[in-house]
PDB file of all heavy atoms in Angstrom:
ATOM      1  N   LEU A   1      24.838  39.946  11.376  1.00  0.00           N
ATOM      2  CA  LEU A   1      25.812  40.086  12.434  1.00  0.00           C
ATOM      3  C   LEU A   1      26.928  41.061  11.945  1.00  0.00           C
ATOM      4  O   LEU A   1      27.453  41.865  12.706  1.00  0.00           O
ATOM      5  CB  LEU A   1      26.444  38.678  12.736  1.00  0.00           C
ATOM      6  CG  LEU A   1      25.587  37.849  13.584  1.00  0.00           C
ATOM      7  CD1 LEU A   1      26.107  36.365  13.567  1.00  0.00           C
ATOM      8  CD2 LEU A   1      25.421  38.271  15.011  1.00  0.00           C
ATOM      9  N   PHE A   2      27.320  40.879  10.686  1.00  0.00           N
ATOM     10  CA  PHE A   2      28.395  41.735  10.174  1.00  0.00           C
ATOM     11  C   PHE A   2      27.903  43.178  10.204  1.00  0.00           C
ATOM     12  O   PHE A   2      28.684  44.097  10.608  1.00  0.00           O
ATOM     13  CB  PHE A   2      28.779  41.261   8.800  1.00  0.00           C
ATOM     14  CG  PHE A   2      29.802  42.232   8.147  1.00  0.00           C
ATOM     15  CD1 PHE A   2      31.161  42.255   8.632  1.00  0.00           C
ATOM     16  CD2 PHE A   2      29.497  43.096   7.127  1.00  0.00           C
ATOM     17  CE1 PHE A   2      32.083  43.186   8.123  1.00  0.00           C
ATOM     18  CE2 PHE A   2      30.366  44.006   6.673  1.00  0.00           C
ATOM     19  CZ  PHE A   2      31.736  44.041   7.142  1.00  0.00           C
ATOM     20  N   ARG A   3      26.737  43.435   9.726  1.00  0.00           N
ATOM     21  CA  ARG A   3      26.257  44.837   9.672  1.00  0.00           C
ATOM     22  C   ARG A   3      26.200  45.398  11.186  1.00  0.00           C
ATOM     23  O   ARG A   3      26.528  46.526  11.450  1.00  0.00           O
ATOM     24  CB  ARG A   3      24.913  45.002   9.045  1.00  0.00           C
ATOM     25  CG  ARG A   3      24.937  44.800   7.550  1.00  0.00           C
ATOM     26  CD  ARG A   3      25.903  45.607   6.782  1.00  0.00           C
ATOM     27  NE  ARG A   3      25.830  47.072   6.998  1.00  0.00           N
ATOM     28  CZ  ARG A   3      26.821  47.920   7.219  1.00  0.00           C
ATOM     29  NH1 ARG A   3      27.973  47.514   7.179  1.00  0.00           N
ATOM     30  NH2 ARG A   3      26.542  49.182   7.410  1.00  0.00           N
ATOM     31  N   PHE A   4      25.718  44.601  12.087  1.00  0.00           N
ATOM     32  CA  PHE A   4      25.660  44.897  13.510  1.00  0.00           C
ATOM     33  C   PHE A   4      26.964  45.343  14.060  1.00  0.00           C
ATOM     34  O   PHE A   4      27.147  46.496  14.597  1.00  0.00           O
ATOM     35  CB  PHE A   4      24.993  43.764  14.352  1.00  0.00           C
ATOM     36  CG  PHE A   4      25.036  44.054  15.772  1.00  0.00           C
ATOM     37  CD1 PHE A   4      24.031  44.884  16.282  1.00  0.00           C
ATOM     38  CD2 PHE A   4      25.944  43.438  16.602  1.00  0.00           C
ATOM     39  CE1 PHE A   4      24.088  45.100  17.729  1.00  0.00           C
ATOM     40  CE2 PHE A   4      25.972  43.690  17.939  1.00  0.00           C
ATOM     41  CZ  PHE A   4      24.949  44.541  18.552  1.00  0.00           C
ATOM     42  N   PHE A   5      27.986  44.470  13.855  1.00  0.00           N
ATOM     43  CA  PHE A   5      29.317  44.859  14.416  1.00  0.00           C
ATOM     44  C   PHE A   5      29.947  45.957  13.678  1.00  0.00           C
ATOM     45  O   PHE A   5      30.785  46.708  14.204  1.00  0.00           O
ATOM     46  CB  PHE A   5      30.178  43.542  14.364  1.00  0.00           C
ATOM     47  CG  PHE A   5      29.754  42.523  15.426  1.00  0.00           C
ATOM     48  CD1 PHE A   5      29.424  41.300  15.083  1.00  0.00           C
ATOM     49  CD2 PHE A   5      29.678  42.866  16.799  1.00  0.00           C
ATOM     50  CE1 PHE A   5      29.006  40.324  15.996  1.00  0.00           C
ATOM     51  CE2 PHE A   5      29.314  42.013  17.704  1.00  0.00           C
ATOM     52  CZ  PHE A   5      28.927  40.736  17.355  1.00  0.00           C
ATOM     53  N   ASP A   6      29.727  46.053  12.256  1.00  0.00           N
ATOM     54  CA  ASP A   6      30.337  47.129  11.624  1.00  0.00           C
ATOM     55  C   ASP A   6      29.688  48.524  11.980  1.00  0.00           C
ATOM     56  O   ASP A   6      30.429  49.500  12.092  1.00  0.00           O
ATOM     57  CB  ASP A   6      30.106  46.911  10.099  1.00  0.00           C
ATOM     58  CG  ASP A   6      30.886  47.867   9.178  1.00  0.00           C
ATOM     59  OD1 ASP A   6      32.053  48.334   9.593  1.00  0.00           O
ATOM     60  OD2 ASP A   6      30.414  48.275   8.170  1.00  0.00           O
ATOM     61  N   ILE A   7      28.428  48.548  12.264  1.00  0.00           N
ATOM     62  CA  ILE A   7      27.832  49.848  12.723  1.00  0.00           C
ATOM     63  C   ILE A   7      28.129  50.116  14.150  1.00  0.00           C
ATOM     64  O   ILE A   7      28.513  51.254  14.533  1.00  0.00           O
ATOM     65  CB  ILE A   7      26.269  49.707  12.491  1.00  0.00           C
ATOM     66  CG1 ILE A   7      26.029  49.684  11.020  1.00  0.00           C
ATOM     67  CG2 ILE A   7      25.602  50.894  13.179  1.00  0.00           C
ATOM     68  CD1 ILE A   7      24.534  49.248  10.642  1.00  0.00           C
ATOM     69  N   LEU A   8      27.954  49.120  15.074  1.00  0.00           N
ATOM     70  CA  LEU A   8      28.275  49.361  16.514  1.00  0.00           C
ATOM     71  C   LEU A   8      29.699  49.649  16.879  1.00  0.00           C
ATOM     72  O   LEU A   8      30.034  50.382  17.703  1.00  0.00           O
ATOM     73  CB  LEU A   8      27.729  48.114  17.336  1.00  0.00           C
ATOM     74  CG  LEU A   8      27.832  48.176  18.777  1.00  0.00           C
ATOM     75  CD1 LEU A   8      26.893  49.204  19.320  1.00  0.00           C
ATOM     76  CD2 LEU A   8      27.512  46.812  19.388  1.00  0.00           C
ATOM     77  N   LYS A   9      30.563  48.903  16.207  1.00  0.00           N
ATOM     78  CA  LYS A   9      32.056  49.080  16.441  1.00  0.00           C
ATOM     79  C   LYS A   9      32.454  48.936  17.867  1.00  0.00           C
ATOM     80  O   LYS A   9      32.951  49.817  18.579  1.00  0.00           O
ATOM     81  CB  LYS A   9      32.505  50.414  15.847  1.00  0.00           C
ATOM     82  CG  LYS A   9      32.304  50.659  14.398  1.00  0.00           C
ATOM     83  CD  LYS A   9      33.070  51.842  13.897  1.00  0.00           C
ATOM     84  CE  LYS A   9      32.752  52.133  12.385  1.00  0.00           C
ATOM     85  NZ  LYS A   9      32.825  51.018  11.520  1.00  0.00           N
ATOM     86  N   PRO A  10      32.243  47.692  18.377  1.00  0.00           N
ATOM     87  CA  PRO A  10      32.644  47.443  19.744  1.00  0.00           C
ATOM     88  C   PRO A  10      34.181  47.491  19.863  1.00  0.00           C
ATOM     89  O   PRO A  10      34.859  47.259  18.836  1.00  0.00           O
ATOM     90  CB  PRO A  10      32.083  46.039  20.058  1.00  0.00           C
ATOM     91  CG  PRO A  10      31.970  45.392  18.738  1.00  0.00           C
ATOM     92  CD  PRO A  10      31.647  46.524  17.735  1.00  0.00           C
ATOM     93  N   PRO A  11      34.695  47.673  21.134  1.00  0.00           N
ATOM     94  CA  PRO A  11      36.141  47.684  21.228  1.00  0.00           C
ATOM     95  C   PRO A  11      36.741  46.307  20.752  1.00  0.00           C
ATOM     96  O   PRO A  11      36.162  45.328  20.994  1.00  0.00           O
ATOM     97  CB  PRO A  11      36.378  47.846  22.712  1.00  0.00           C
ATOM     98  CG  PRO A  11      35.052  48.430  23.235  1.00  0.00           C
ATOM     99  CD  PRO A  11      34.022  47.857  22.272  1.00  0.00           C
ATOM    100  N   PRO A  12      37.862  46.366  20.059  1.00  0.00           N
ATOM    101  CA  PRO A  12      38.777  47.483  19.803  1.00  0.00           C
ATOM    102  C   PRO A  12      38.432  48.136  18.425  1.00  0.00           C
ATOM    103  O   PRO A  12      39.250  48.941  17.997  1.00  0.00           O
ATOM    104  CB  PRO A  12      40.175  46.779  19.851  1.00  0.00           C
ATOM    105  CG  PRO A  12      39.887  45.472  19.174  1.00  0.00           C
ATOM    106  CD  PRO A  12      38.458  45.064  19.799  1.00  0.00           C
ATOM    107  N   ILE A  13      37.379  47.771  17.836  1.00  0.00           N
ATOM    108  CA  ILE A  13      37.122  48.280  16.415  1.00  0.00           C
ATOM    109  C   ILE A  13      37.027  49.793  16.513  1.00  0.00           C
ATOM    110  O   ILE A  13      37.625  50.500  15.755  1.00  0.00           O
ATOM    111  CB  ILE A  13      35.747  47.745  15.868  1.00  0.00           C
ATOM    112  CG1 ILE A  13      35.889  46.189  15.741  1.00  0.00           C
ATOM    113  CG2 ILE A  13      35.493  48.373  14.504  1.00  0.00           C
ATOM    114  CD1 ILE A  13      34.587  45.472  15.355  1.00  0.00           C
ATOM    115  N   ARG A  14      36.249  50.393  17.469  1.00  0.00           N
ATOM    116  CA  ARG A  14      36.083  51.806  17.528  1.00  0.00           C
ATOM    117  C   ARG A  14      37.504  52.527  17.765  1.00  0.00           C
ATOM    118  O   ARG A  14      37.751  53.494  17.216  1.00  0.00           O
ATOM    119  CB  ARG A  14      35.136  52.223  18.740  1.00  0.00           C
ATOM    120  CG  ARG A  14      34.787  53.698  18.727  1.00  0.00           C
ATOM    121  CD  ARG A  14      33.808  54.042  19.718  1.00  0.00           C
ATOM    122  NE  ARG A  14      32.575  53.226  19.560  1.00  0.00           N
ATOM    123  CZ  ARG A  14      31.498  53.576  18.735  1.00  0.00           C
ATOM    124  NH1 ARG A  14      31.614  54.701  18.100  1.00  0.00           N
ATOM    125  NH2 ARG A  14      30.411  52.800  18.671  1.00  0.00           N
ATOM    126  N   TYR A  15      38.327  51.857  18.582  1.00  0.00           N
ATOM    127  CA  TYR A  15      39.679  52.340  18.865  1.00  0.00           C
ATOM    128  C   TYR A  15      40.466  52.551  17.547  1.00  0.00           C
ATOM    129  O   TYR A  15      41.011  53.589  17.238  1.00  0.00           O
ATOM    130  CB  TYR A  15      40.414  51.504  19.826  1.00  0.00           C
ATOM    131  CG  TYR A  15      41.861  51.824  19.974  1.00  0.00           C
ATOM    132  CD1 TYR A  15      42.230  52.803  20.922  1.00  0.00           C
ATOM    133  CD2 TYR A  15      42.923  51.196  19.298  1.00  0.00           C
ATOM    134  CE1 TYR A  15      43.586  53.131  21.114  1.00  0.00           C
ATOM    135  CE2 TYR A  15      44.215  51.502  19.456  1.00  0.00           C
ATOM    136  CZ  TYR A  15      44.544  52.508  20.326  1.00  0.00           C
ATOM    137  OH  TYR A  15      45.861  52.808  20.557  1.00  0.00           O
ATOM    138  N   PHE A  16      40.505  51.436  16.755  1.00  0.00           N
ATOM    139  CA  PHE A  16      41.239  51.490  15.481  1.00  0.00           C
ATOM    140  C   PHE A  16      40.599  52.302  14.473  1.00  0.00           C
ATOM    141  O   PHE A  16      41.336  53.003  13.652  1.00  0.00           O
ATOM    142  CB  PHE A  16      41.498  50.020  14.967  1.00  0.00           C
ATOM    143  CG  PHE A  16      42.469  49.235  15.796  1.00  0.00           C
ATOM    144  CD1 PHE A  16      42.075  48.150  16.519  1.00  0.00           C
ATOM    145  CD2 PHE A  16      43.801  49.607  15.778  1.00  0.00           C
ATOM    146  CE1 PHE A  16      42.921  47.440  17.341  1.00  0.00           C
ATOM    147  CE2 PHE A  16      44.697  48.818  16.553  1.00  0.00           C
ATOM    148  CZ  PHE A  16      44.253  47.801  17.394  1.00  0.00           C
ATOM    149  N   ASP A  17      39.275  52.357  14.431  1.00  0.00           N
ATOM    150  CA  ASP A  17      38.583  53.245  13.488  1.00  0.00           C
ATOM    151  C   ASP A  17      38.927  54.772  13.769  1.00  0.00           C
ATOM    152  O   ASP A  17      39.107  55.447  12.803  1.00  0.00           O
ATOM    153  CB  ASP A  17      37.106  53.016  13.625  1.00  0.00           C
ATOM    154  CG  ASP A  17      36.257  53.774  12.646  1.00  0.00           C
ATOM    155  OD1 ASP A  17      36.503  53.653  11.371  1.00  0.00           O
ATOM    156  OD2 ASP A  17      35.380  54.533  13.002  1.00  0.00           O
ATOM    157  N   ALA A  18      39.058  55.080  15.018  1.00  0.00           N
ATOM    158  CA  ALA A  18      39.352  56.476  15.342  1.00  0.00           C
ATOM    159  C   ALA A  18      40.841  56.802  15.061  1.00  0.00           C
ATOM    160  O   ALA A  18      41.134  57.937  14.738  1.00  0.00           O
ATOM    161  CB  ALA A  18      39.021  56.720  16.798  1.00  0.00           C
ATOM    162  N   ARG A  19      41.765  55.850  15.005  1.00  0.00           N
ATOM    163  CA  ARG A  19      43.183  56.135  14.944  1.00  0.00           C
ATOM    164  C   ARG A  19      43.764  55.801  13.581  1.00  0.00           C
ATOM    165  O   ARG A  19      44.753  56.455  13.131  1.00  0.00           O
ATOM    166  CB  ARG A  19      43.896  55.420  16.064  1.00  0.00           C
ATOM    167  CG  ARG A  19      43.752  56.147  17.411  1.00  0.00           C
ATOM    168  CD  ARG A  19      44.058  55.273  18.573  1.00  0.00           C
ATOM    169  NE  ARG A  19      43.787  55.919  19.774  1.00  0.00           N
ATOM    170  CZ  ARG A  19      42.553  56.117  20.381  1.00  0.00           C
ATOM    171  NH1 ARG A  19      41.489  55.661  19.769  1.00  0.00           N
ATOM    172  NH2 ARG A  19      42.388  56.785  21.547  1.00  0.00           N
ATOM    173  N   LEU A  20      43.244  54.813  12.922  1.00  0.00           N
ATOM    174  CA  LEU A  20      43.794  54.430  11.659  1.00  0.00           C
ATOM    175  C   LEU A  20      42.915  54.984  10.516  1.00  0.00           C
ATOM    176  O   LEU A  20      41.730  54.669  10.440  1.00  0.00           O
ATOM    177  CB  LEU A  20      43.871  52.900  11.542  1.00  0.00           C
ATOM    178  CG  LEU A  20      44.771  52.153  12.490  1.00  0.00           C
ATOM    179  CD1 LEU A  20      44.578  50.709  12.288  1.00  0.00           C
ATOM    180  CD2 LEU A  20      46.257  52.588  12.335  1.00  0.00           C
ATOM    181  N   LYS A  21      43.469  55.804   9.681  1.00  0.00           N
ATOM    182  CA  LYS A  21      42.780  56.360   8.570  1.00  0.00           C
ATOM    183  C   LYS A  21      43.442  55.998   7.231  1.00  0.00           C
ATOM    184  O   LYS A  21      44.331  55.160   7.220  1.00  0.00           O
ATOM    185  CB  LYS A  21      42.702  57.940   8.711  1.00  0.00           C
ATOM    186  CG  LYS A  21      41.974  58.360   9.886  1.00  0.00           C
ATOM    187  CD  LYS A  21      40.517  57.976   9.921  1.00  0.00           C
ATOM    188  CE  LYS A  21      39.821  58.408  11.110  1.00  0.00           C
ATOM    189  NZ  LYS A  21      38.529  57.765  11.268  1.00  0.00           N
ATOM    190  N   HIS A  22      42.968  56.556   6.281  1.00  0.00           N
ATOM    191  CA  HIS A  22      43.421  56.181   4.837  1.00  0.00           C
ATOM    192  C   HIS A  22      43.139  54.765   4.484  1.00  0.00           C
ATOM    193  O   HIS A  22      42.277  54.126   5.159  1.00  0.00           O
ATOM    194  CB  HIS A  22      44.921  56.587   4.751  1.00  0.00           C
ATOM    195  CG  HIS A  22      45.187  58.060   5.135  1.00  0.00           C
ATOM    196  ND1 HIS A  22      44.686  59.091   4.332  1.00  0.00           N
ATOM    197  CD2 HIS A  22      45.726  58.608   6.249  1.00  0.00           C
ATOM    198  CE1 HIS A  22      45.049  60.202   4.955  1.00  0.00           C
ATOM    199  NE2 HIS A  22      45.636  59.943   6.127  1.00  0.00           N
ATOM    200  N   GLY A  23      43.780  54.286   3.528  1.00  0.00           N
ATOM    201  CA  GLY A  23      43.401  52.946   3.036  1.00  0.00           C
ATOM    202  C   GLY A  23      43.380  51.850   3.968  1.00  0.00           C
ATOM    203  O   GLY A  23      42.413  51.057   4.097  1.00  0.00           O
ATOM    204  N   PHE A  24      44.563  51.634   4.659  1.00  0.00           N
ATOM    205  CA  PHE A  24      44.632  50.523   5.607  1.00  0.00           C
ATOM    206  C   PHE A  24      43.583  50.619   6.757  1.00  0.00           C
ATOM    207  O   PHE A  24      42.911  49.674   7.064  1.00  0.00           O
ATOM    208  CB  PHE A  24      46.047  50.378   6.223  1.00  0.00           C
ATOM    209  CG  PHE A  24      46.094  49.238   7.184  1.00  0.00           C
ATOM    210  CD1 PHE A  24      46.228  47.914   6.697  1.00  0.00           C
ATOM    211  CD2 PHE A  24      46.159  49.392   8.536  1.00  0.00           C
ATOM    212  CE1 PHE A  24      46.309  46.853   7.566  1.00  0.00           C
ATOM    213  CE2 PHE A  24      46.224  48.303   9.437  1.00  0.00           C
ATOM    214  CZ  PHE A  24      46.314  47.057   8.956  1.00  0.00           C
ATOM    215  N   GLY A  25      43.384  51.820   7.326  1.00  0.00           N
ATOM    216  CA  GLY A  25      42.412  52.027   8.309  1.00  0.00           C
ATOM    217  C   GLY A  25      40.992  51.763   7.847  1.00  0.00           C
ATOM    218  O   GLY A  25      40.137  51.176   8.591  1.00  0.00           O
ATOM    219  N   VAL A  26      40.748  52.184   6.669  1.00  0.00           N
ATOM    220  CA  VAL A  26      39.354  51.998   6.064  1.00  0.00           C
ATOM    221  C   VAL A  26      39.092  50.500   6.022  1.00  0.00           C
ATOM    222  O   VAL A  26      38.027  49.970   6.401  1.00  0.00           O
ATOM    223  CB  VAL A  26      39.232  52.559   4.706  1.00  0.00           C
ATOM    224  CG1 VAL A  26      37.978  52.105   3.976  1.00  0.00           C
ATOM    225  CG2 VAL A  26      39.271  54.054   4.800  1.00  0.00           C
ATOM    226  N   MET A  27      40.061  49.672   5.509  1.00  0.00           N
ATOM    227  CA  MET A  27      39.922  48.290   5.362  1.00  0.00           C
ATOM    228  C   MET A  27      39.972  47.452   6.724  1.00  0.00           C
ATOM    229  O   MET A  27      39.218  46.557   6.932  1.00  0.00           O
ATOM    230  CB  MET A  27      40.969  47.745   4.391  1.00  0.00           C
ATOM    231  CG  MET A  27      40.886  48.281   3.026  1.00  0.00           C
ATOM    232  SD  MET A  27      39.389  47.915   2.028  1.00  0.00           S
ATOM    233  CE  MET A  27      39.664  46.111   1.825  1.00  0.00           C
ATOM    234  N   PHE A  28      40.782  47.841   7.594  1.00  0.00           N
ATOM    235  CA  PHE A  28      41.121  47.128   8.837  1.00  0.00           C
ATOM    236  C   PHE A  28      39.965  47.010   9.704  1.00  0.00           C
ATOM    237  O   PHE A  28      39.687  45.935  10.316  1.00  0.00           O
ATOM    238  CB  PHE A  28      42.384  47.718   9.530  1.00  0.00           C
ATOM    239  CG  PHE A  28      42.756  46.894  10.763  1.00  0.00           C
ATOM    240  CD1 PHE A  28      43.279  45.646  10.541  1.00  0.00           C
ATOM    241  CD2 PHE A  28      42.694  47.389  11.947  1.00  0.00           C
ATOM    242  CE1 PHE A  28      43.726  44.930  11.726  1.00  0.00           C
ATOM    243  CE2 PHE A  28      43.085  46.668  13.102  1.00  0.00           C
ATOM    244  CZ  PHE A  28      43.624  45.362  12.956  1.00  0.00           C
ATOM    245  N   ASP A  29      39.251  48.124  10.041  1.00  0.00           N
ATOM    246  CA  ASP A  29      38.141  48.048  10.982  1.00  0.00           C
ATOM    247  C   ASP A  29      37.094  47.103  10.557  1.00  0.00           C
ATOM    248  O   ASP A  29      36.388  46.439  11.374  1.00  0.00           O
ATOM    249  CB  ASP A  29      37.599  49.444  11.343  1.00  0.00           C
ATOM    250  CG  ASP A  29      36.787  50.057  10.293  1.00  0.00           C
ATOM    251  OD1 ASP A  29      37.310  50.228   9.131  1.00  0.00           O
ATOM    252  OD2 ASP A  29      35.588  50.391  10.521  1.00  0.00           O
ATOM    253  N   ASP A  30      36.906  46.952   9.273  1.00  0.00           N
ATOM    254  CA  ASP A  30      35.868  45.962   8.731  1.00  0.00           C
ATOM    255  C   ASP A  30      36.355  44.490   8.930  1.00  0.00           C
ATOM    256  O   ASP A  30      35.530  43.592   9.135  1.00  0.00           O
ATOM    257  CB  ASP A  30      35.451  46.313   7.322  1.00  0.00           C
ATOM    258  CG  ASP A  30      34.529  47.509   7.259  1.00  0.00           C
ATOM    259  OD1 ASP A  30      35.122  48.684   7.488  1.00  0.00           O
ATOM    260  OD2 ASP A  30      33.378  47.397   7.054  1.00  0.00           O
ATOM    261  N   ILE A  31      37.571  44.285   8.848  1.00  0.00           N
ATOM    262  CA  ILE A  31      38.144  42.989   9.116  1.00  0.00           C
ATOM    263  C   ILE A  31      37.926  42.528  10.527  1.00  0.00           C
ATOM    264  O   ILE A  31      37.587  41.410  10.845  1.00  0.00           O
ATOM    265  CB  ILE A  31      39.673  42.880   8.740  1.00  0.00           C
ATOM    266  CG1 ILE A  31      39.846  43.059   7.190  1.00  0.00           C
ATOM    267  CG2 ILE A  31      40.242  41.562   9.197  1.00  0.00           C
ATOM    268  CD1 ILE A  31      39.134  42.012   6.332  1.00  0.00           C
ATOM    269  N   LEU A  32      38.059  43.505  11.424  1.00  0.00           N
ATOM    270  CA  LEU A  32      37.758  43.332  12.879  1.00  0.00           C
ATOM    271  C   LEU A  32      36.253  42.959  13.064  1.00  0.00           C
ATOM    272  O   LEU A  32      35.909  42.170  13.851  1.00  0.00           O
ATOM    273  CB  LEU A  32      38.168  44.477  13.693  1.00  0.00           C
ATOM    274  CG  LEU A  32      39.729  44.731  13.842  1.00  0.00           C
ATOM    275  CD1 LEU A  32      40.004  45.997  14.625  1.00  0.00           C
ATOM    276  CD2 LEU A  32      40.407  43.512  14.398  1.00  0.00           C
ATOM    277  N   ALA A  33      35.401  43.756  12.346  1.00  0.00           N
ATOM    278  CA  ALA A  33      33.971  43.452  12.386  1.00  0.00           C
ATOM    279  C   ALA A  33      33.721  42.070  11.935  1.00  0.00           C
ATOM    280  O   ALA A  33      32.823  41.310  12.426  1.00  0.00           O
ATOM    281  CB  ALA A  33      33.117  44.532  11.742  1.00  0.00           C
ATOM    282  N   ALA A  34      34.402  41.620  10.922  1.00  0.00           N
ATOM    283  CA  ALA A  34      34.282  40.321  10.336  1.00  0.00           C
ATOM    284  C   ALA A  34      34.641  39.298  11.383  1.00  0.00           C
ATOM    285  O   ALA A  34      34.023  38.225  11.615  1.00  0.00           O
ATOM    286  CB  ALA A  34      35.073  40.118   9.050  1.00  0.00           C
ATOM    287  N   CYS A  35      35.780  39.566  12.147  1.00  0.00           N
ATOM    288  CA  CYS A  35      36.252  38.632  13.190  1.00  0.00           C
ATOM    289  C   CYS A  35      35.090  38.435  14.250  1.00  0.00           C
ATOM    290  O   CYS A  35      34.817  37.287  14.776  1.00  0.00           O
ATOM    291  CB  CYS A  35      37.508  39.136  13.853  1.00  0.00           C
ATOM    292  SG  CYS A  35      38.850  39.002  12.731  1.00  0.00           S
TER     293      CYS A  35
END
């Protein structure tokens, strides 16, 4: 499930992945995939 959501990046993961970069952005989108 984690790999599925991390790869697919459903909303809002894709939104944040596209807008947040650098350290926090790298870490944050995976926390959303974890959720």
